[in-house]
Amino acid sequence: MPQKKDEAILNIIADYEKLANLVLHQLDIVQKLIVSGKLRLDESLHEELIKNEEKINKLEVKLSDEVINSIALYQPVASQIRKLMSCYRITISLERIGDLAISIVKLMGRIESEEVYTSLSGFMAKMMDLSVDMSRRSMLSFINQDMELAKWTIKSETIVDEFNHKMLKKVAERVSLMIEDRNILISFINIKEMAAAIERIADHAANIAEASFYSFEGKDIRHKRN
């Protein structure tokens, strides 16, 4: 029984790494698109993004089942239960980050004014860079049991929030001047939603870091970031 339990946990961690790497690859694709200044992905990259999303969804379901089965079948000790439950929480956030990556690409495709997007793309790029960095470090914090990475991720969430607030202020100022231009208004609305999606990626990265902290420190710090 102990050997089977250890094997089951090792399999879960291996699947976690696969899922994390897939999600990071999705984020890298979106990050490069934002930095490029383009509004649409090449067809081959878009197809890759959609195929990876299907893989992410299947892995999320598989991991959830593996965690539940391991707890039910092998009676893990307290530290192992914390690790498994943290992995379960992280898996949910990873799947949602993958969804948000797809949403950002869709929102970019709906932007009708390249000029409007270009005027705000610097904010978008900075927000996305930090959100991707937070996501990468939070995922590593769990696999490497590195609580410094987890703490850095949680603290960095406020920086992404500040970027978003500054950008929203600029959007509000410009919309009031161009409210009669339909294309520009639609572009601003989609950019606003895009920024919100990037901010939610940072939120999920912080959630992953919190789960890592709980796994290895035994402390639940949700709702206690400040």
Protein backbone atom coordinates (compact mmCIF):
# COMPACT_ATOMS: atom_id res chain seq x y z
CA MET A 1 0.00 0.00 0.00
CA PRO A 2 2.71 2.61 0.89
CA GLN A 3 4.44 1.98 -2.44
CA LYS A 4 1.20 2.39 -4.40
CA LYS A 5 0.42 5.59 -2.49
CA ASP A 6 3.86 7.03 -3.27
CA GLU A 7 3.49 6.07 -6.94
CA ALA A 8 0.06 7.69 -7.11
CA ILE A 9 1.40 10.95 -5.66
CA LEU A 10 4.38 10.91 -8.02
CA ASN A 11 2.00 10.44 -10.98
CA ILE A 12 -0.07 13.39 -9.80
CA ILE A 13 3.01 15.62 -9.57
CA ALA A 14 4.12 14.49 -13.06
CA ASP A 15 0.70 15.38 -14.49
CA TYR A 16 0.80 18.70 -12.63
CA GLU A 17 4.10 19.53 -14.36
CA LYS A 18 2.59 18.66 -17.75
CA LEU A 19 -0.41 20.88 -17.08
CA ALA A 20 1.74 23.76 -15.77
CA ASN A 21 4.02 23.61 -18.82
CA LEU A 22 1.05 23.60 -21.20
CA VAL A 23 -0.49 26.63 -19.49
CA LEU A 24 2.84 28.49 -19.52
CA HIS A 25 3.21 27.74 -23.23
CA GLN A 26 -0.26 29.25 -23.85
CA LEU A 27 0.75 32.35 -21.91
CA ASP A 28 4.01 32.63 -23.87
CA ILE A 29 2.06 32.61 -27.15
CA VAL A 30 -0.26 35.37 -25.94
CA GLN A 31 2.60 37.36 -24.44
CA LYS A 32 4.49 37.33 -27.75
CA LEU A 33 1.34 38.42 -29.59
CA ILE A 34 0.89 41.42 -27.27
CA VAL A 35 4.55 42.44 -27.54
CA SER A 36 4.45 42.12 -31.34
CA GLY A 37 1.85 44.90 -31.64
CA LYS A 38 -0.33 42.67 -33.82
CA LEU A 39 -3.98 42.03 -33.02
CA ARG A 40 -4.29 38.51 -34.41
CA LEU A 41 -2.31 35.29 -34.23
CA ASP A 42 -1.00 33.48 -37.27
CA GLU A 43 -3.34 30.64 -38.21
CA SER A 44 -0.90 27.91 -37.17
CA LEU A 45 -0.38 29.45 -33.73
CA HIS A 46 -4.11 29.93 -33.29
CA GLU A 47 -4.70 26.25 -34.06
CA GLU A 48 -1.97 25.29 -31.60
CA LEU A 49 -3.60 27.43 -28.91
CA ILE A 50 -6.98 25.71 -29.42
CA LYS A 51 -5.47 22.19 -29.42
CA ASN A 52 -3.53 22.94 -26.26
CA GLU A 53 -6.72 24.19 -24.61
CA GLU A 54 -8.31 20.78 -25.23
CA LYS A 55 -5.28 19.08 -23.66
CA ILE A 56 -5.45 21.40 -20.65
CA ASN A 57 -9.13 20.59 -20.08
CA LYS A 58 -8.49 16.84 -20.24
CA LEU A 59 -5.51 17.06 -17.88
CA GLU A 60 -7.52 19.15 -15.41
CA VAL A 61 -10.21 16.46 -15.25
CA LYS A 62 -7.60 13.68 -14.98
CA LEU A 63 -5.72 15.41 -12.18
CA SER A 64 -8.89 16.12 -10.22
CA ASP A 65 -9.88 12.45 -10.42
CA GLU A 66 -6.37 11.31 -9.44
CA VAL A 67 -6.34 13.53 -6.34
CA ILE A 68 -9.78 12.35 -5.18
CA ASN A 69 -8.93 8.68 -5.81
CA SER A 70 -5.60 8.94 -3.97
CA ILE A 71 -7.25 10.38 -0.88
CA ALA A 72 -10.06 7.80 -0.98
CA LEU A 73 -7.90 4.73 -1.68
CA TYR A 74 -4.56 5.26 0.07
CA GLN A 75 -5.35 7.16 3.28
CA PRO A 76 -2.48 9.68 3.00
CA VAL A 77 -1.04 11.30 6.12
CA ALA A 78 -1.79 14.95 6.98
CA SER A 79 1.17 16.46 5.07
CA GLN A 80 0.29 14.42 1.97
CA ILE A 81 -3.36 15.45 2.19
CA ARG A 82 -2.30 19.11 2.30
CA LYS A 83 -0.13 18.56 -0.77
CA LEU A 84 -2.91 16.77 -2.66
CA MET A 85 -5.58 19.33 -1.76
CA SER A 86 -3.21 22.17 -2.72
CA CYS A 87 -2.59 20.46 -6.06
CA TYR A 88 -6.36 20.21 -6.53
CA ARG A 89 -6.78 23.94 -5.89
CA ILE A 90 -3.86 24.78 -8.19
CA THR A 91 -5.25 22.60 -10.98
CA ILE A 92 -8.47 24.64 -11.00
CA SER A 93 -6.50 27.91 -11.23
CA LEU A 94 -4.30 26.54 -14.02
CA GLU A 95 -7.33 25.59 -16.10
CA ARG A 96 -8.80 29.05 -15.60
CA ILE A 97 -5.53 30.73 -16.62
CA GLY A 98 -5.68 28.66 -19.80
CA ASP A 99 -9.23 29.90 -20.43
CA LEU A 100 -8.12 33.49 -19.89
CA ALA A 101 -5.32 33.12 -22.43
CA ILE A 102 -7.91 32.12 -25.04
CA SER A 103 -10.19 34.99 -23.97
CA ILE A 104 -7.41 37.56 -24.44
CA VAL A 105 -6.77 36.39 -28.01
CA LYS A 106 -10.52 36.60 -28.79
CA LEU A 107 -10.77 40.10 -27.31
CA MET A 108 -7.76 41.28 -29.31
CA GLY A 109 -9.42 40.04 -32.48
CA ARG A 110 -12.44 42.25 -31.75
CA ILE A 111 -10.42 45.45 -31.45
CA GLU A 112 -11.30 47.54 -34.51
CA SER A 113 -8.86 50.44 -34.12
CA GLU A 114 -5.15 49.59 -34.27
CA GLU A 115 -4.36 53.19 -33.38
CA VAL A 116 -6.26 52.94 -30.09
CA TYR A 117 -4.62 49.62 -29.25
CA THR A 118 -1.14 50.95 -30.06
CA SER A 119 -1.69 53.88 -27.71
CA LEU A 120 -2.31 51.49 -24.81
CA SER A 121 -0.21 48.48 -25.81
CA GLY A 122 2.63 49.51 -23.50
CA PHE A 123 0.37 49.08 -20.47
CA MET A 124 -0.89 45.77 -21.85
CA ALA A 125 2.64 44.45 -22.38
CA LYS A 126 3.80 45.41 -18.88
CA MET A 127 0.73 43.88 -17.26
CA MET A 128 1.08 40.68 -19.27
CA ASP A 129 4.83 40.38 -18.61
CA LEU A 130 4.30 40.60 -14.86
CA SER A 131 1.27 38.28 -14.87
CA VAL A 132 3.21 35.63 -16.82
CA ASP A 133 6.20 35.99 -14.48
CA MET A 134 3.88 35.62 -11.48
CA SER A 135 2.30 32.52 -13.03
CA ARG A 136 5.67 30.92 -13.74
CA ARG A 137 7.04 31.62 -10.26
CA SER A 138 3.89 30.45 -8.51
CA MET A 139 3.93 27.14 -10.40
CA LEU A 140 7.61 26.65 -9.55
CA SER A 141 6.95 27.50 -5.91
CA PHE A 142 4.80 24.37 -5.62
CA ILE A 143 7.04 21.95 -7.47
CA ASN A 144 10.26 23.24 -5.82
CA GLN A 145 8.73 23.88 -2.39
CA ASP A 146 10.06 27.44 -2.67
CA MET A 147 8.08 29.71 -0.39
CA GLU A 148 10.10 32.81 -1.37
CA LEU A 149 8.69 32.49 -4.89
CA ALA A 150 5.22 32.11 -3.43
CA LYS A 151 5.60 35.23 -1.27
CA TRP A 152 6.98 37.27 -4.19
CA THR A 153 3.99 36.26 -6.33
CA ILE A 154 1.45 37.26 -3.71
CA LYS A 155 3.11 40.65 -3.14
CA SER A 156 3.31 41.34 -6.89
CA GLU A 157 -0.45 41.08 -7.37
CA THR A 158 -0.93 44.68 -6.23
CA ILE A 159 1.44 45.93 -8.95
CA VAL A 160 -0.73 44.38 -11.68
CA ASP A 161 -3.80 45.96 -10.05
CA GLU A 162 -2.09 49.36 -10.15
CA PHE A 163 -1.22 48.97 -13.84
CA ASN A 164 -4.84 48.13 -14.57
CA HIS A 165 -6.19 51.12 -12.64
CA LYS A 166 -3.84 53.50 -14.46
CA MET A 167 -4.83 52.08 -17.82
CA LEU A 168 -8.54 52.28 -17.00
CA LYS A 169 -8.09 55.94 -16.11
CA LYS A 170 -6.51 56.60 -19.52
CA VAL A 171 -9.33 54.68 -21.24
CA ALA A 172 -11.97 56.73 -19.39
CA GLU A 173 -10.29 59.98 -20.40
CA ARG A 174 -10.12 59.04 -24.08
CA VAL A 175 -13.57 57.50 -24.34
CA SER A 176 -15.15 60.76 -23.19
CA LEU A 177 -13.47 62.51 -26.14
CA MET A 178 -14.34 59.91 -28.78
CA ILE A 179 -17.68 58.52 -27.65
CA GLU A 180 -19.31 59.17 -31.04
CA ASP A 181 -16.88 56.97 -32.99
CA ARG A 182 -18.30 53.43 -32.85
CA ASN A 183 -15.08 51.65 -33.86
CA ILE A 184 -13.03 53.49 -31.28
CA LEU A 185 -15.62 52.87 -28.55
CA ILE A 186 -15.74 49.14 -29.32
CA SER A 187 -11.94 49.04 -29.27
CA PHE A 188 -11.78 50.69 -25.85
CA ILE A 189 -14.37 48.29 -24.46
CA ASN A 190 -12.43 45.24 -25.67
CA ILE A 191 -9.13 46.64 -24.40
CA LYS A 192 -10.75 47.19 -20.99
CA GLU A 193 -11.95 43.56 -20.95
CA MET A 194 -8.52 42.40 -22.09
CA ALA A 195 -6.86 44.22 -19.18
CA ALA A 196 -9.36 42.65 -16.78
CA ALA A 197 -8.47 39.19 -18.12
CA ILE A 198 -4.76 39.84 -17.62
CA GLU A 199 -5.46 41.02 -14.07
CA ARG A 200 -7.39 37.80 -13.39
CA ILE A 201 -4.36 35.78 -14.54
CA ALA A 202 -2.37 37.55 -11.82
CA ASP A 203 -5.16 36.77 -9.32
CA HIS A 204 -4.97 33.07 -10.16
CA ALA A 205 -1.16 33.13 -9.92
CA ALA A 206 -1.55 34.52 -6.39
CA ASN A 207 -4.10 31.77 -5.65
CA ILE A 208 -1.55 29.16 -6.77
CA ALA A 209 1.10 30.73 -4.54
CA GLU A 210 -1.31 30.64 -1.58
CA ALA A 211 -1.98 26.95 -2.22
CA SER A 212 1.78 26.29 -2.34
CA PHE A 213 2.20 28.09 0.96
CA TYR A 214 -0.57 26.00 2.52
CA SER A 215 0.95 22.80 1.17
CA PHE A 216 4.39 23.27 2.69
CA GLU A 217 3.81 25.62 5.64
CA GLY A 218 0.44 24.27 6.75
CA LYS A 219 -1.03 27.78 6.94
CA ASP A 220 -4.08 28.94 4.97
CA ILE A 221 -3.37 32.57 4.05
CA ARG A 222 -6.32 33.10 1.72
CA HIS A 223 -8.01 36.48 2.25
CA LYS A 224 -4.99 37.56 4.34
CA ARG A 225 -2.67 38.97 1.67
CA ASN A 226 -2.49 42.47 3.11
